């Protein structure tokens, strides 16, 4: 795979690859949001350059959002344990 190097040194940057599974999930969530089904939304994103972005929006109960994000952390950690 070709890589793009930085002009002033540093690690080469990967060429972004479209993740169809990510696109499908985002489209599904967008449909739910447009239909009014989503009261609150929290996300964590890691880009192809390893940048991290997190945010939350909406008017969901704070405790429900904490529970949802805690469940996400559990699922990510569990997936890592299963794959090792």
Protein backbone atom coordinates (compact mmCIF):
# COMPACT_ATOMS: atom_id res chain seq x y z
CA UNK A 1 0.00 0.00 0.00
CA UNK A 2 1.28 3.47 -0.86
CA UNK A 3 1.91 5.88 1.99
CA UNK A 4 2.18 9.65 2.10
CA UNK A 5 5.22 10.97 3.94
CA UNK A 6 5.31 14.24 5.82
CA UNK A 7 7.55 16.90 4.33
CA UNK A 8 9.35 17.61 7.60
CA UNK A 9 9.84 14.02 8.70
CA UNK A 10 7.72 12.02 11.09
CA UNK A 11 5.63 8.96 10.51
CA UNK A 12 4.03 8.32 7.14
CA UNK A 13 0.30 8.98 6.99
CA UNK A 14 -1.99 6.13 5.93
CA UNK A 15 -4.27 6.57 2.94
CA UNK A 16 -7.85 6.72 4.29
CA UNK A 17 -10.00 3.68 3.51
CA UNK A 18 -13.79 3.93 3.40
CA UNK A 19 -15.22 1.60 6.04
CA UNK A 20 -18.60 0.54 4.67
CA UNK A 21 -19.66 -0.85 8.07
CA UNK A 22 -19.05 2.58 9.62
CA UNK A 23 -20.95 4.36 6.84
CA UNK A 24 -23.90 1.96 7.19
CA UNK A 25 -24.11 2.49 10.97
CA UNK A 26 -23.93 6.28 10.60
CA UNK A 27 -26.70 6.20 7.97
CA UNK A 28 -28.84 4.01 10.26
CA UNK A 29 -28.33 6.43 13.15
CA UNK A 30 -29.12 9.41 10.92
CA UNK A 31 -32.44 7.81 9.93
CA UNK A 32 -33.30 7.23 13.61
CA UNK A 33 -32.38 10.82 14.47
CA UNK A 34 -34.48 12.23 11.64
CA UNK A 35 -37.47 10.18 12.78
CA UNK A 36 -37.15 11.51 16.33
CA UNK A 37 -36.13 8.17 17.85
CA UNK A 38 -32.83 9.41 19.30
CA UNK A 39 -33.06 11.56 22.44
CA UNK A 40 -29.33 11.81 23.00
CA UNK A 41 -26.19 10.85 21.15
CA UNK A 42 -22.59 10.31 22.29
CA UNK A 43 -19.71 9.28 20.10
CA UNK A 44 -16.02 8.52 20.06
CA UNK A 45 -14.13 8.59 16.76
CA UNK A 46 -10.58 7.61 15.88
CA UNK A 47 -9.53 8.88 12.46
CA UNK A 48 -7.14 7.22 10.03
CA UNK A 49 -4.51 9.69 11.35
CA UNK A 50 -5.19 8.52 14.95
CA UNK A 51 -6.89 11.79 15.89
CA UNK A 52 -9.57 11.34 18.57
CA UNK A 53 -12.88 13.17 18.67
CA UNK A 54 -15.65 12.80 21.23
CA UNK A 55 -18.91 14.64 21.85
CA UNK A 56 -22.49 14.29 22.98
CA UNK A 57 -25.64 16.07 21.91
CA UNK A 58 -29.34 15.98 22.71
CA UNK A 59 -31.50 16.14 25.78
CA UNK A 60 -31.30 12.56 27.08
CA UNK A 61 -31.15 12.12 30.85
CA UNK A 62 -27.56 12.48 32.05
CA UNK A 63 -27.69 9.15 33.90
CA UNK A 64 -28.95 7.38 30.76
CA UNK A 65 -26.06 8.87 28.77
CA UNK A 66 -23.56 7.73 31.41
CA UNK A 67 -25.05 4.22 31.32
CA UNK A 68 -24.91 4.13 27.52
CA UNK A 69 -21.28 5.28 27.36
CA UNK A 70 -20.29 2.86 30.15
CA UNK A 71 -21.86 0.04 28.12
CA UNK A 72 -19.85 1.17 25.10
CA UNK A 73 -16.60 1.11 27.10
CA UNK A 74 -17.46 -2.40 28.34
CA UNK A 75 -18.14 -3.62 24.79
CA UNK A 76 -14.88 -2.14 23.43
CA UNK A 77 -12.82 -3.61 26.29
CA UNK A 78 -14.55 -7.00 25.95
CA UNK A 79 -13.89 -7.07 22.20
CA UNK A 80 -10.20 -6.45 22.88
CA UNK A 81 -10.07 -9.27 25.41
CA UNK A 82 -11.84 -11.68 23.04
CA UNK A 83 -9.41 -10.96 20.22
CA UNK A 84 -6.25 -11.60 22.24
